Amino acid sequence: MRYLIVIVFSRMWTLPEASEVAVPNERRGKESELKAGDCSIRKVQGKHDYSDMLHISDTHHNAQTLDKTIANLETELSAARTLQDSFLNGSPVSEEYKASESTVRRKYLMVIGINTAFSSRKRRDSIRNTWMPQGEMRKKLEEEKGIIIRFVIGHSAISGGIVDRAIEAEDKKHGDFMRLDHVEGYLELSGKTRTYFATAVALWDADFYVKVDDDVHVNIAMLGNILSKHILKPRVYIGCMKSGPVLSDKDVRYYEPEHWKFGEVGNKYFRHATGQLYAISKDLATYISINKHVLHKYINEDVSLGSWLIGLDVEHIDDRRLCCGTPPDCEWKAQAGNTCAASFDWKCSGICNSVQNIWGVHKKCSEGEKALLTASF
């Protein structure tokens, strides 16, 4: 941030000597008085210059306060731009955002965005029937616990097509979608993640923003307990940290087209959170929102997020309760009093055949409805 400091130097005038200019006799007395007072003039001028220096010092002293104020204004501007973009592009605007325009934004603990696709209706229903509260219970969760949960989806290449209308009908029934100004596509997950954080931070003022896949089982109360332990930290990145190989073979899953950027063949990625579930604090979500147009997108969205944060002063928190296995792993841990926050199968990068199997995971590894009702964050 640059500050423009203008210093005004007053010009000091001195009277010419008598030999230089002919001065009438009647004015010579006054000239003598001025010369006698020249020292006083210089003293007054010196005081004025010292006052200017004090003003400069105060400006530097207040720089940090100005930085914080400007950062807050940038956040509000980003939110306003997101809203404007939604209007200009015809994307739906959340009722929560409309309501917040005339009132002070309330503070939430976390926003949980469940990444989903047009073809994943059965997955969404399996989540609604297991770990995601519905109806009045979901509203109560928002009002009393400060937890927002939404399925996150963009629009088709031809906006307003049949798949878009199907999502609109589903949302009318359940009211649990966050629509993004984003064209859906498997190879566009990095862009979707970027847009999700920018949209979420504009809609809701929360301490944390969570991304989870729609084939993962989540214990919401345990997730809230984990995140609340880090609530006083301004820049945290929480998940199961890993450092997998950079794949240069075009015929394998998770092939990295930009593998050459990571050094020699066989190198590994920098440490980053696995993509099934991770959380970032508000400052980081705001950073992504402000800089979304210049953040590079790698083919793998979890790698992209890690790259956006690696150059910042961020605390990486590796918590293995966010990546437990399905039964018997999460079941044994629950019986031992170490309840998992998220469970999935590593071999499937989610719960294998989640539509059929997520209920079994929920039955054996769920924290129970009472845990969420009595949770205090």
Protein backbone atom coordinates (compact mmCIF):
# COMPACT_ATOMS: atom_id res chain seq x y z
CA MET A 1 0.00 0.00 0.00
CA ARG A 2 1.45 3.36 -0.98
CA TYR A 3 0.87 6.54 0.97
CA LEU A 4 1.32 9.96 -0.60
CA ILE A 5 2.88 12.40 1.84
CA VAL A 6 2.98 16.04 0.80
CA ILE A 7 5.35 18.32 2.68
CA VAL A 8 4.94 22.03 2.17
CA PHE A 9 8.14 24.01 2.61
CA SER A 10 7.60 27.68 3.39
CA ARG A 11 9.98 30.00 1.57
CA MET A 12 12.05 32.23 3.91
CA TRP A 13 12.34 35.75 2.64
CA THR A 14 15.17 38.10 3.67
CA LEU A 15 15.42 41.74 2.82
CA PRO A 16 18.17 42.96 0.47
CA GLU A 17 21.03 45.07 1.75
CA ALA A 18 20.82 48.84 1.37
CA SER A 19 23.69 48.78 -1.11
CA GLU A 20 21.65 46.60 -3.42
CA VAL A 21 18.44 48.61 -3.43
CA ALA A 22 17.92 52.26 -2.78
CA VAL A 23 15.57 52.57 0.15
CA PRO A 24 13.85 55.83 1.03
CA ASN A 25 14.90 57.37 4.37
CA GLU A 26 11.43 57.04 5.82
CA ARG A 27 11.47 53.25 5.27
CA ARG A 28 14.96 52.54 6.62
CA GLY A 29 13.72 52.47 10.20
CA LYS A 30 11.18 49.80 9.37
CA GLU A 31 13.86 47.85 7.48
CA SER A 32 16.04 47.84 10.59
CA GLU A 33 13.15 46.49 12.63
CA LEU A 34 12.62 43.68 10.13
CA LYS A 35 16.32 42.79 10.16
CA ALA A 36 16.32 42.74 13.91
CA GLY A 37 13.35 40.39 13.85
CA ASP A 38 14.87 38.11 11.22
CA CYS A 39 16.07 35.70 13.91
CA SER A 40 12.53 35.47 15.27
CA ILE A 41 11.21 34.74 11.80
CA ARG A 42 13.69 31.88 11.51
CA LYS A 43 12.66 30.52 14.90
CA VAL A 44 8.99 30.55 13.94
CA GLN A 45 9.86 28.90 10.64
CA GLY A 46 11.82 26.22 12.48
CA LYS A 47 8.81 25.43 14.64
CA HIS A 48 6.65 25.11 11.55
CA ASP A 49 9.08 22.65 9.93
CA TYR A 50 9.27 20.59 13.16
CA SER A 51 5.48 20.40 13.18
CA ASP A 52 5.59 19.02 9.64
CA MET A 53 8.03 16.31 10.76
CA LEU A 54 5.75 15.35 13.63
CA HIS A 55 2.90 15.07 11.14
CA ILE A 56 4.99 12.70 8.98
CA SER A 57 5.85 10.60 12.02
CA ASP A 58 2.18 10.32 12.93
CA THR A 59 1.38 9.20 9.40
CA HIS A 60 3.89 6.37 9.58
CA HIS A 61 2.68 5.46 13.06
CA ASN A 62 -0.88 5.06 11.79
CA ALA A 63 0.08 3.04 8.70
CA GLN A 64 -0.93 -0.28 10.21
CA THR A 65 -4.33 1.07 11.22
CA LEU A 66 -4.87 2.40 7.71
CA ASP A 67 -3.82 -0.96 6.25
CA LYS A 68 -6.43 -2.75 8.32
CA THR A 69 -9.13 -0.25 7.39
CA ILE A 70 -8.34 -0.51 3.69
CA ALA A 71 -8.27 -4.31 3.90
CA ASN A 72 -11.78 -4.25 5.37
CA LEU A 73 -12.94 -1.94 2.59
CA GLU A 74 -11.43 -4.28 -0.01
CA THR A 75 -13.35 -7.19 1.52
CA GLU A 76 -16.62 -5.24 1.31
CA LEU A 77 -15.80 -4.19 -2.25
CA SER A 78 -15.14 -7.82 -3.22
CA ALA A 79 -18.50 -8.81 -1.75
CA ALA A 80 -20.22 -6.03 -3.68
CA ARG A 81 -18.52 -7.10 -6.91
CA THR A 82 -19.64 -10.68 -6.39
CA LEU A 83 -23.21 -9.50 -5.95
CA GLN A 84 -22.96 -7.27 -9.02
CA ASP A 85 -21.54 -10.13 -11.09
CA SER A 86 -24.47 -12.29 -10.02
CA PHE A 87 -26.95 -9.68 -11.24
CA LEU A 88 -25.12 -9.06 -14.52
CA ASN A 89 -24.75 -12.75 -15.34
CA GLY A 90 -28.24 -13.73 -14.31
CA SER A 91 -27.08 -16.03 -11.51
CA PRO A 92 -29.44 -16.48 -8.56
CA VAL A 93 -28.62 -14.46 -5.47
CA SER A 94 -29.11 -16.07 -2.09
CA GLU A 95 -32.00 -14.84 0.03
CA GLU A 96 -29.56 -14.64 2.93
CA TYR A 97 -27.54 -12.05 1.00
CA LYS A 98 -30.60 -10.02 0.10
CA ALA A 99 -31.68 -9.96 3.72
CA SER A 100 -28.21 -8.86 4.85
CA GLU A 101 -28.24 -5.75 2.67
CA SER A 102 -30.36 -3.82 5.17
CA THR A 103 -29.04 -5.42 8.37
CA VAL A 104 -25.74 -6.05 10.07
CA ARG A 105 -24.25 -9.36 8.90
CA ARG A 106 -24.35 -11.99 11.62
CA LYS A 107 -21.30 -14.04 12.44
CA TYR A 108 -21.25 -17.79 11.76
CA LEU A 109 -18.83 -20.45 12.89
CA MET A 110 -18.48 -22.17 9.52
CA VAL A 111 -19.89 -22.54 6.05
CA ILE A 112 -19.81 -26.12 4.74
CA GLY A 113 -19.93 -26.28 0.96
CA ILE A 114 -20.63 -29.77 -0.42
CA ASN A 115 -19.17 -30.01 -3.90
CA THR A 116 -21.68 -31.75 -6.18
CA ALA A 117 -22.50 -32.28 -9.86
CA PHE A 118 -25.63 -32.34 -12.01
CA SER A 119 -25.54 -36.14 -12.17
CA SER A 120 -25.22 -36.59 -8.40
CA ARG A 121 -28.87 -36.34 -7.29
CA LYS A 122 -28.72 -39.76 -5.58
CA ARG A 123 -25.57 -38.78 -3.71
CA ARG A 124 -27.21 -35.60 -2.46
CA ASP A 125 -30.26 -37.53 -1.28
CA SER A 126 -28.03 -40.05 0.52
CA ILE A 127 -26.39 -37.17 2.39
CA ARG A 128 -29.76 -35.60 3.22
CA ASN A 129 -30.84 -38.96 4.65
CA THR A 130 -27.73 -39.35 6.83
CA TRP A 131 -25.46 -36.62 8.19
CA MET A 132 -26.98 -33.40 6.78
CA PRO A 133 -29.88 -32.00 8.89
CA GLN A 134 -33.06 -31.15 7.02
CA GLY A 135 -35.89 -28.61 7.29
CA GLU A 136 -36.33 -26.94 10.66
CA MET A 137 -33.35 -28.80 12.07
CA ARG A 138 -31.07 -27.23 9.47
CA LYS A 139 -32.47 -23.77 10.19
CA LYS A 140 -31.96 -24.36 13.89
CA LEU A 141 -28.38 -25.37 13.19
CA GLU A 142 -27.81 -22.07 11.41
CA GLU A 143 -29.49 -19.93 14.05
CA GLU A 144 -28.21 -21.62 17.21
CA LYS A 145 -24.87 -23.10 16.19
CA GLY A 146 -23.84 -20.75 13.39
CA ILE A 147 -23.33 -23.53 10.85
CA ILE A 148 -24.36 -23.13 7.21
CA ILE A 149 -24.52 -26.22 4.95
CA ARG A 150 -25.14 -26.00 1.20
CA PHE A 151 -24.64 -28.12 -1.89
CA VAL A 152 -22.39 -26.15 -4.24
CA ILE A 153 -23.02 -26.19 -7.98
CA GLY A 154 -22.65 -23.90 -10.98
CA HIS A 155 -24.57 -23.96 -14.24
CA SER A 156 -24.36 -25.80 -17.54
CA ALA A 157 -22.62 -24.49 -20.65
CA ILE A 158 -26.06 -23.47 -21.93
CA SER A 159 -27.45 -21.70 -18.87
CA GLY A 160 -31.10 -22.42 -18.29
CA GLY A 161 -31.00 -25.87 -19.90
CA ILE A 162 -32.70 -29.00 -18.64
CA VAL A 163 -30.06 -29.80 -16.00
CA ASP A 164 -30.25 -26.26 -14.63
CA ARG A 165 -34.03 -26.49 -14.38
CA ALA A 166 -33.69 -29.81 -12.56
CA ILE A 167 -31.41 -28.20 -9.95
CA GLU A 168 -33.82 -25.28 -9.58
CA ALA A 169 -36.68 -27.71 -8.92
CA GLU A 170 -34.57 -29.64 -6.40
CA ASP A 171 -33.56 -26.41 -4.67
CA LYS A 172 -37.20 -25.30 -4.51
CA LYS A 173 -37.97 -28.52 -2.67
CA HIS A 174 -35.03 -28.55 -0.26
CA GLY A 175 -33.61 -25.02 -0.24
CA ASP A 176 -30.08 -26.26 0.31
CA PHE A 177 -28.09 -25.12 -2.74
CA MET A 178 -25.47 -22.44 -3.31
CA ARG A 179 -25.44 -21.58 -7.02
CA LEU A 180 -22.17 -20.33 -8.49
CA ASP A 181 -21.35 -18.23 -11.53
CA HIS A 182 -19.33 -21.14 -12.89
CA VAL A 183 -19.66 -23.58 -15.80
CA GLU A 184 -19.63 -27.14 -14.44
CA GLY A 185 -17.02 -29.62 -15.71
CA TYR A 186 -14.65 -32.18 -14.19
CA LEU A 187 -11.59 -30.35 -15.49
CA GLU A 188 -12.87 -27.10 -14.02
CA LEU A 189 -12.81 -28.10 -10.33
CA SER A 190 -10.03 -25.65 -9.47
CA GLY A 191 -12.05 -22.77 -10.88
CA LYS A 192 -15.13 -24.00 -9.05
CA THR A 193 -13.25 -24.14 -5.73
CA ARG A 194 -11.96 -20.61 -6.26
CA THR A 195 -15.44 -19.33 -7.06
CA TYR A 196 -16.95 -21.19 -4.11
CA PHE A 197 -14.72 -19.45 -1.57
CA ALA A 198 -15.22 -16.04 -3.20
CA THR A 199 -19.02 -16.49 -3.22
CA ALA A 200 -19.25 -17.96 0.29
CA VAL A 201 -17.23 -15.17 1.90
CA ALA A 202 -19.47 -12.63 0.16
CA LEU A 203 -22.70 -14.30 1.33
CA TRP A 204 -21.80 -15.21 4.91
CA ASP A 205 -19.40 -13.80 7.48
CA ALA A 206 -17.91 -16.94 9.03
CA ASP A 207 -14.78 -17.92 10.93
CA PHE A 208 -14.18 -20.89 8.62
CA TYR A 209 -15.11 -22.02 5.11
CA VAL A 210 -15.16 -25.77 4.51
CA LYS A 211 -15.16 -27.70 1.26
CA VAL A 212 -16.27 -31.36 1.28
CA ASP A 213 -17.05 -33.85 -1.50
CA ASP A 214 -20.53 -35.38 -1.83
CA ASP A 215 -19.26 -38.93 -1.22
CA VAL A 216 -17.79 -38.26 2.24
CA HIS A 217 -19.45 -38.85 5.62
CA VAL A 218 -19.16 -35.92 8.06
CA ASN A 219 -19.77 -35.61 11.79
CA ILE A 220 -20.66 -31.93 12.01
CA ALA A 221 -20.27 -31.49 15.77
CA MET A 222 -16.78 -33.02 15.75
CA LEU A 223 -15.81 -30.85 12.77
CA GLY A 224 -17.03 -27.79 14.66
CA ASN A 225 -15.04 -28.78 17.75
CA ILE A 226 -11.88 -29.20 15.70
CA LEU A 227 -12.21 -25.85 13.96
CA SER A 228 -13.22 -23.93 17.09
CA LYS A 229 -9.85 -24.78 18.67
CA HIS A 230 -8.20 -22.59 16.03
CA ILE A 231 -10.72 -19.75 15.98
CA LEU A 232 -8.28 -17.13 17.28
CA LYS A 233 -5.73 -17.83 14.55
CA PRO A 234 -6.09 -15.43 11.59
CA ARG A 235 -4.71 -17.60 8.78
CA VAL A 236 -5.14 -21.35 9.16
CA TYR A 237 -5.42 -24.13 6.57
CA ILE A 238 -6.81 -27.32 8.12
CA GLY A 239 -7.01 -30.78 6.62
CA CYS A 240 -5.14 -34.05 6.15
CA MET A 241 -1.87 -32.86 4.70
CA LYS A 242 -0.18 -34.95 2.03
CA SER A 243 2.52 -34.70 -0.61
CA GLY A 244 1.76 -37.04 -3.49
CA PRO A 245 3.79 -37.62 -6.65
CA VAL A 246 3.47 -35.28 -9.61
CA LEU A 247 2.15 -37.57 -12.34
CA SER A 248 3.53 -36.93 -15.82
CA ASP A 249 1.91 -39.89 -17.59
CA LYS A 250 -1.08 -38.74 -19.64
CA ASP A 251 -2.81 -42.10 -19.32
CA VAL A 252 -3.11 -42.11 -15.52
CA ARG A 253 -5.67 -40.50 -13.22
CA TYR A 254 -4.62 -37.17 -11.70
CA TYR A 255 -2.20 -36.50 -14.56
CA GLU A 256 -0.57 -33.09 -14.10
CA PRO A 257 -0.16 -31.26 -17.48
CA GLU A 258 2.16 -28.74 -15.81
CA HIS A 259 4.36 -31.38 -14.21
CA TRP A 260 7.49 -29.64 -15.52
CA LYS A 261 6.90 -26.77 -13.08
CA PHE A 262 7.55 -29.09 -10.15
CA GLY A 263 11.07 -30.09 -11.15
CA GLU A 264 12.37 -33.41 -12.36
CA VAL A 265 10.20 -36.44 -13.13
CA GLY A 266 9.41 -38.29 -9.91
CA ASN A 267 9.21 -35.18 -7.72
CA LYS A 268 6.40 -34.67 -5.26
CA TYR A 269 3.95 -31.81 -4.76
CA PHE A 270 4.37 -29.36 -1.91
CA ARG A 271 2.40 -30.23 1.22
CA HIS A 272 -1.33 -29.60 0.81
CA ALA A 273 -4.65 -30.86 2.21
CA THR A 274 -6.35 -33.81 0.56
CA GLY A 275 -9.35 -32.72 -1.47
CA GLN A 276 -12.09 -34.75 0.24
CA LEU A 277 -12.43 -32.20 3.06
CA TYR A 278 -10.49 -29.13 4.15
CA ALA A 279 -11.15 -25.79 5.84
CA ILE A 280 -9.63 -22.32 5.64
CA SER A 281 -10.10 -19.29 7.87
CA LYS A 282 -11.90 -16.13 6.82
CA ASP A 283 -8.75 -14.14 6.03
CA LEU A 284 -7.65 -16.78 3.54
CA ALA A 285 -11.08 -17.01 1.91
CA THR A 286 -11.05 -13.22 1.61
CA TYR A 287 -7.59 -13.33 0.04
CA ILE A 288 -8.85 -15.82 -2.56
CA SER A 289 -11.88 -13.64 -3.24
CA ILE A 290 -9.83 -10.48 -3.79
CA ASN A 291 -7.19 -12.17 -5.93
CA LYS A 292 -9.34 -14.75 -7.73
CA HIS A 293 -8.58 -13.39 -11.19
CA VAL A 294 -4.81 -13.95 -10.85
CA LEU A 295 -4.72 -17.26 -8.95
CA HIS A 296 -3.36 -20.03 -11.16
CA LYS A 297 -5.45 -23.17 -11.63
CA TYR A 298 -3.71 -26.54 -11.73
CA ILE A 299 -5.61 -29.57 -12.97
CA ASN A 300 -6.09 -30.91 -9.42
CA GLU A 301 -8.12 -28.57 -7.22
CA ASP A 302 -6.47 -29.59 -3.93
CA VAL A 303 -3.07 -28.80 -5.45
CA SER A 304 -4.42 -25.46 -6.69
CA LEU A 305 -5.59 -24.45 -3.22
CA GLY A 306 -2.26 -25.45 -1.72
CA SER A 307 -0.41 -23.37 -4.32
CA TRP A 308 -2.54 -20.30 -3.57
CA LEU A 309 -1.59 -20.45 0.11
CA ILE A 310 1.98 -21.75 0.08
CA GLY A 311 3.54 -18.30 -0.35
CA LEU A 312 1.49 -16.73 2.44
CA ASP A 313 2.04 -16.61 6.19
CA VAL A 314 -0.32 -19.53 6.81
CA GLU A 315 -0.36 -22.19 9.52
CA HIS A 316 -0.91 -25.65 8.02
CA ILE A 317 -2.74 -27.92 10.47
CA ASP A 318 -2.65 -31.64 9.81
CA ASP A 319 -5.58 -33.32 11.62
CA ARG A 320 -6.10 -36.98 10.79
CA ARG A 321 -9.64 -36.96 12.22
CA LEU A 322 -10.59 -35.30 8.93
CA CYS A 323 -9.64 -38.35 6.86
CA CYS A 324 -10.65 -41.51 8.75
CA GLY A 325 -11.42 -44.68 6.85
CA THR A 326 -14.84 -46.30 6.62
CA PRO A 327 -15.75 -49.13 9.06
CA PRO A 328 -14.07 -50.73 10.82
CA ASP A 329 -11.56 -47.83 11.08
CA CYS A 330 -13.97 -45.04 12.09
CA GLU A 331 -16.01 -47.53 14.14
CA TRP A 332 -13.05 -48.57 16.30
CA LYS A 333 -12.05 -44.94 16.82
CA ALA A 334 -15.59 -43.98 17.85
CA GLN A 335 -15.68 -46.84 20.37
CA ALA A 336 -12.38 -45.62 21.79
CA GLY A 337 -13.83 -42.12 22.28
CA ASN A 338 -11.94 -40.60 19.36
CA THR A 339 -14.82 -39.80 17.01
CA CYS A 340 -13.86 -38.96 13.44
CA ALA A 341 -14.97 -35.76 11.72
CA ALA A 342 -14.90 -37.25 8.21
CA SER A 343 -14.74 -40.79 6.79
CA PHE A 344 -14.09 -42.10 3.29
CA ASP A 345 -12.16 -44.80 1.41
CA TRP A 346 -8.73 -43.74 0.18
CA LYS A 347 -8.85 -46.24 -2.69
CA CYS A 348 -11.97 -44.54 -4.07
CA SER A 349 -11.10 -40.97 -2.99
CA GLY A 350 -14.49 -41.06 -1.28
CA ILE A 351 -16.87 -43.68 0.07
CA CYS A 352 -16.91 -46.47 -2.51
CA ASN A 353 -20.44 -46.73 -3.97
CA SER A 354 -21.45 -44.02 -1.54
CA VAL A 355 -25.16 -44.02 -2.44
CA GLN A 356 -25.43 -47.60 -1.19
CA ASN A 357 -22.75 -47.54 1.51
CA ILE A 358 -22.98 -44.16 3.25
CA TRP A 359 -25.88 -45.33 5.42
CA GLY A 360 -23.71 -48.17 6.81
CA VAL A 361 -20.95 -45.66 7.61
CA HIS A 362 -23.47 -43.38 9.27
CA LYS A 363 -24.92 -46.20 11.36
CA LYS A 364 -21.54 -47.33 12.72
CA CYS A 365 -19.53 -44.10 12.83
CA SER A 366 -22.04 -41.29 13.39
CA GLU A 367 -21.60 -39.10 16.46
CA GLY A 368 -25.39 -39.14 16.94
CA GLU A 369 -27.95 -36.36 16.64
CA LYS A 370 -27.67 -35.49 20.32
CA ALA A 371 -23.99 -34.57 19.90
CA LEU A 372 -24.90 -31.80 17.47
CA LEU A 373 -27.79 -30.50 19.56
CA THR A 374 -25.68 -30.24 22.71
CA ALA A 375 -22.48 -29.07 21.05
CA SER A 376 -21.05 -25.77 22.25
CA PHE A 377 -18.42 -24.11 20.08
